[in-house]
Amino acid sequence: MKVALICTECGSRNYTTETEHKKRLVLRKHCKTCNRHTTHKSSI
């Protein structure tokens, strides 16, 4: 299943990833809009 990763700071959808789990992913990724590393959550 493909899910979008959403920045918790600005709300932009920067990344997509595939997962087999129904749990919400929480990753630290670089946000192009904020121009820094922020927490991204999956859109499940």
PDB file of N, CA and C in Angstrom:
ATOM      1  N   MET A   1       0.845  -1.165   0.000  1.00  0.00           N
ATOM      2  CA  MET A   1       0.000   0.000   0.000  1.00  0.00           C
ATOM      3  C   MET A   1       0.898   1.238   0.000  1.00  0.00           C
ATOM      4  N   LYS A   2       0.603   2.194  -0.884  1.00  0.00           N
ATOM      5  CA  LYS A   2       1.358   3.441  -0.939  1.00  0.00           C
ATOM      6  C   LYS A   2       0.731   4.450   0.008  1.00  0.00           C
ATOM      7  N   VAL A   3       1.585   5.158   0.740  1.00  0.00           N
ATOM      8  CA  VAL A   3       1.129   6.212   1.643  1.00  0.00           C
ATOM      9  C   VAL A   3       1.962   7.465   1.411  1.00  0.00           C
ATOM     10  N   ALA A   4       1.366   8.617   1.641  1.00  0.00           N
ATOM     11  CA  ALA A   4       2.075   9.895   1.545  1.00  0.00           C
ATOM     12  C   ALA A   4       2.575  10.280   2.922  1.00  0.00           C
ATOM     13  N   LEU A   5       3.751  10.896   2.970  1.00  0.00           N
ATOM     14  CA  LEU A   5       4.296  11.401   4.218  1.00  0.00           C
ATOM     15  C   LEU A   5       4.069  12.905   4.257  1.00  0.00           C
ATOM     16  N   ILE A   6       3.429  13.372   5.332  1.00  0.00           N
ATOM     17  CA  ILE A   6       3.023  14.765   5.460  1.00  0.00           C
ATOM     18  C   ILE A   6       3.853  15.435   6.546  1.00  0.00           C
ATOM     19  N   CYS A   7       4.409  16.597   6.241  1.00  0.00           N
ATOM     20  CA  CYS A   7       5.190  17.372   7.206  1.00  0.00           C
ATOM     21  C   CYS A   7       4.266  17.885   8.305  1.00  0.00           C
ATOM     22  N   THR A   8       4.665  17.713   9.561  1.00  0.00           N
ATOM     23  CA  THR A   8       3.835  18.175  10.671  1.00  0.00           C
ATOM     24  C   THR A   8       3.950  19.678  10.881  1.00  0.00           C
ATOM     25  N   GLU A   9       4.979  20.325  10.327  1.00  0.00           N
ATOM     26  CA  GLU A   9       5.158  21.766  10.488  1.00  0.00           C
ATOM     27  C   GLU A   9       4.308  22.565   9.500  1.00  0.00           C
ATOM     28  N   CYS A  10       4.427  22.244   8.207  1.00  0.00           N
ATOM     29  CA  CYS A  10       3.754  23.051   7.190  1.00  0.00           C
ATOM     30  C   CYS A  10       2.602  22.324   6.505  1.00  0.00           C
ATOM     31  N   GLY A  11       2.515  21.001   6.646  1.00  0.00           N
ATOM     32  CA  GLY A  11       1.410  20.248   6.064  1.00  0.00           C
ATOM     33  C   GLY A  11       1.601  19.829   4.619  1.00  0.00           C
ATOM     34  N   SER A  12       2.782  20.046   4.045  1.00  0.00           N
ATOM     35  CA  SER A  12       2.999  19.660   2.653  1.00  0.00           C
ATOM     36  C   SER A  12       3.304  18.169   2.562  1.00  0.00           C
ATOM     37  N   ARG A  13       2.877  17.579   1.451  1.00  0.00           N
ATOM     38  CA  ARG A  13       3.120  16.152   1.189  1.00  0.00           C
ATOM     39  C   ARG A  13       4.382  16.043   0.355  1.00  0.00           C
ATOM     40  N   ASN A  14       5.488  15.669   1.001  1.00  0.00           N
ATOM     41  CA  ASN A  14       6.788  15.687   0.345  1.00  0.00           C
ATOM     42  C   ASN A  14       7.233  14.330  -0.182  1.00  0.00           C
ATOM     43  N   TYR A  15       6.854  13.256   0.465  1.00  0.00           N
ATOM     44  CA  TYR A  15       7.364  11.940   0.136  1.00  0.00           C
ATOM     45  C   TYR A  15       6.229  10.935   0.034  1.00  0.00           C
ATOM     46  N   THR A  16       6.449   9.867  -0.734  1.00  0.00           N
ATOM     47  CA  THR A  16       5.553   8.716  -0.733  1.00  0.00           C
ATOM     48  C   THR A  16       6.399   7.484  -0.447  1.00  0.00           C
ATOM     49  N   THR A  17       5.799   6.499   0.185  1.00  0.00           N
ATOM     50  CA  THR A  17       6.488   5.271   0.510  1.00  0.00           C
ATOM     51  C   THR A  17       5.488   4.130   0.485  1.00  0.00           C
ATOM     52  N   GLU A  18       5.987   2.919   0.445  1.00  0.00           N
ATOM     53  CA  GLU A  18       5.128   1.742   0.493  1.00  0.00           C
ATOM     54  C   GLU A  18       5.283   1.064   1.837  1.00  0.00           C
ATOM     55  N   THR A  19       4.163   0.564   2.364  1.00  0.00           N
ATOM     56  CA  THR A  19       4.181  -0.129   3.638  1.00  0.00           C
ATOM     57  C   THR A  19       3.174  -1.269   3.605  1.00  0.00           C
ATOM     58  N   GLU A  20       3.424  -2.272   4.393  1.00  0.00           N
ATOM     59  CA  GLU A  20       2.495  -3.390   4.515  1.00  0.00           C
ATOM     60  C   GLU A  20       1.742  -3.332   5.837  1.00  0.00           C
ATOM     61  N   HIS A  21       2.126  -2.408   6.704  1.00  0.00           N
ATOM     62  CA  HIS A  21       1.522  -2.291   8.022  1.00  0.00           C
ATOM     63  C   HIS A  21       0.401  -1.266   8.003  1.00  0.00           C
ATOM     64  N   LYS A  22      -0.585  -1.436   8.855  1.00  0.00           N
ATOM     65  CA  LYS A  22      -1.692  -0.491   8.981  1.00  0.00           C
ATOM     66  C   LYS A  22      -1.396   0.587  10.015  1.00  0.00           C
ATOM     67  N   LYS A  23      -0.204   0.523  10.635  1.00  0.00           N
ATOM     68  CA  LYS A  23       0.156   1.506  11.652  1.00  0.00           C
ATOM     69  C   LYS A  23       0.679   2.774  11.000  1.00  0.00           C
ATOM     70  N   ARG A  24       0.565   3.902  11.694  1.00  0.00           N
ATOM     71  CA  ARG A  24       1.027   5.190  11.198  1.00  0.00           C
ATOM     72  C   ARG A  24       2.545   5.285  11.316  1.00  0.00           C
ATOM     73  N   LEU A  25       3.196   5.649  10.220  1.00  0.00           N
ATOM     74  CA  LEU A  25       4.642   5.845  10.221  1.00  0.00           C
ATOM     75  C   LEU A  25       4.968   7.254  10.704  1.00  0.00           C
ATOM     76  N   VAL A  26       6.051   7.379  11.468  1.00  0.00           N
ATOM     77  CA  VAL A  26       6.541   8.686  11.901  1.00  0.00           C
ATOM     78  C   VAL A  26       8.046   8.684  11.636  1.00  0.00           C
ATOM     79  N   LEU A  27       8.482   9.549  10.700  1.00  0.00           N
ATOM     80  CA  LEU A  27       9.883   9.609  10.312  1.00  0.00           C
ATOM     81  C   LEU A  27      10.367  11.055  10.325  1.00  0.00           C
ATOM     82  N   ARG A  28      11.675  11.231  10.528  1.00  0.00           N
ATOM     83  CA  ARG A  28      12.270  12.563  10.388  1.00  0.00           C
ATOM     84  C   ARG A  28      12.879  12.631   8.999  1.00  0.00           C
ATOM     85  N   LYS A  29      12.357  13.554   8.179  1.00  0.00           N
ATOM     86  CA  LYS A  29      12.817  13.728   6.804  1.00  0.00           C
ATOM     87  C   LYS A  29      13.071  15.209   6.560  1.00  0.00           C
ATOM     88  N   HIS A  30      13.761  15.509   5.478  1.00  0.00           N
ATOM     89  CA  HIS A  30      14.007  16.896   5.102  1.00  0.00           C
ATOM     90  C   HIS A  30      12.805  17.428   4.341  1.00  0.00           C
ATOM     91  N   CYS A  31      12.251  18.537   4.794  1.00  0.00           N
ATOM     92  CA  CYS A  31      11.119  19.190   4.140  1.00  0.00           C
ATOM     93  C   CYS A  31      11.656  20.291   3.236  1.00  0.00           C
ATOM     94  N   LYS A  32      11.289  20.235   1.950  1.00  0.00           N
ATOM     95  CA  LYS A  32      11.756  21.244   1.002  1.00  0.00           C
ATOM     96  C   LYS A  32      11.114  22.601   1.265  1.00  0.00           C
ATOM     97  N   THR A  33       9.888  22.611   1.776  1.00  0.00           N
ATOM     98  CA  THR A  33       9.188  23.863   2.047  1.00  0.00           C
ATOM     99  C   THR A  33       9.760  24.558   3.281  1.00  0.00           C
ATOM    100  N   CYS A  34       9.965  23.803   4.358  1.00  0.00           N
ATOM    101  CA  CYS A  34      10.518  24.370   5.598  1.00  0.00           C
ATOM    102  C   CYS A  34      12.035  24.541   5.527  1.00  0.00           C
ATOM    103  N   ASN A  35      12.684  23.818   4.615  1.00  0.00           N
ATOM    104  CA  ASN A  35      14.135  23.831   4.426  1.00  0.00           C
ATOM    105  C   ASN A  35      14.891  23.374   5.674  1.00  0.00           C
ATOM    106  N   ARG A  36      14.349  22.344   6.345  1.00  0.00           N
ATOM    107  CA  ARG A  36      15.018  21.737   7.502  1.00  0.00           C
ATOM    108  C   ARG A  36      14.419  20.354   7.746  1.00  0.00           C
ATOM    109  N   HIS A  37      15.031  19.596   8.649  1.00  0.00           N
ATOM    110  CA  HIS A  37      14.524  18.272   8.995  1.00  0.00           C
ATOM    111  C   HIS A  37      13.355  18.414   9.967  1.00  0.00           C
ATOM    112  N   THR A  38      12.231  17.803   9.615  1.00  0.00           N
ATOM    113  CA  THR A  38      11.034  17.849  10.454  1.00  0.00           C
ATOM    114  C   THR A  38      10.440  16.458  10.548  1.00  0.00           C
ATOM    115  N   THR A  39       9.477  16.309  11.424  1.00  0.00           N
ATOM    116  CA  THR A  39       8.775  15.042  11.579  1.00  0.00           C
ATOM    117  C   THR A  39       7.707  14.927  10.488  1.00  0.00           C
ATOM    118  N   HIS A  40       7.666  13.781   9.823  1.00  0.00           N
ATOM    119  CA  HIS A  40       6.674  13.496   8.797  1.00  0.00           C
ATOM    120  C   HIS A  40       5.841  12.303   9.253  1.00  0.00           C
ATOM    121  N   LYS A  41       4.517  12.377   9.098  1.00  0.00           N
ATOM    122  CA  LYS A  41       3.622  11.284   9.460  1.00  0.00           C
ATOM    123  C   LYS A  41       2.918  10.778   8.209  1.00  0.00           C
ATOM    124  N   SER A  42       2.593   9.496   8.219  1.00  0.00           N
ATOM    125  CA  SER A  42       1.904   8.918   7.064  1.00  0.00           C
ATOM    126  C   SER A  42       0.439   9.334   7.057  1.00  0.00           C
ATOM    127  N   SER A  43      -0.170   9.242   5.894  1.00  0.00           N
ATOM    128  CA  SER A  43      -1.545   9.717   5.716  1.00  0.00           C
ATOM    129  C   SER A  43      -2.583   8.626   5.918  1.00  0.00           C
ATOM    130  N   ILE A  44      -2.256   7.571   6.635  1.00  0.00           N
ATOM    131  CA  ILE A  44      -3.205   6.473   6.887  1.00  0.00           C
ATOM    132  C   ILE A  44      -4.251   6.936   7.878  1.00  0.00           C
TER     133      ILE A  44
END
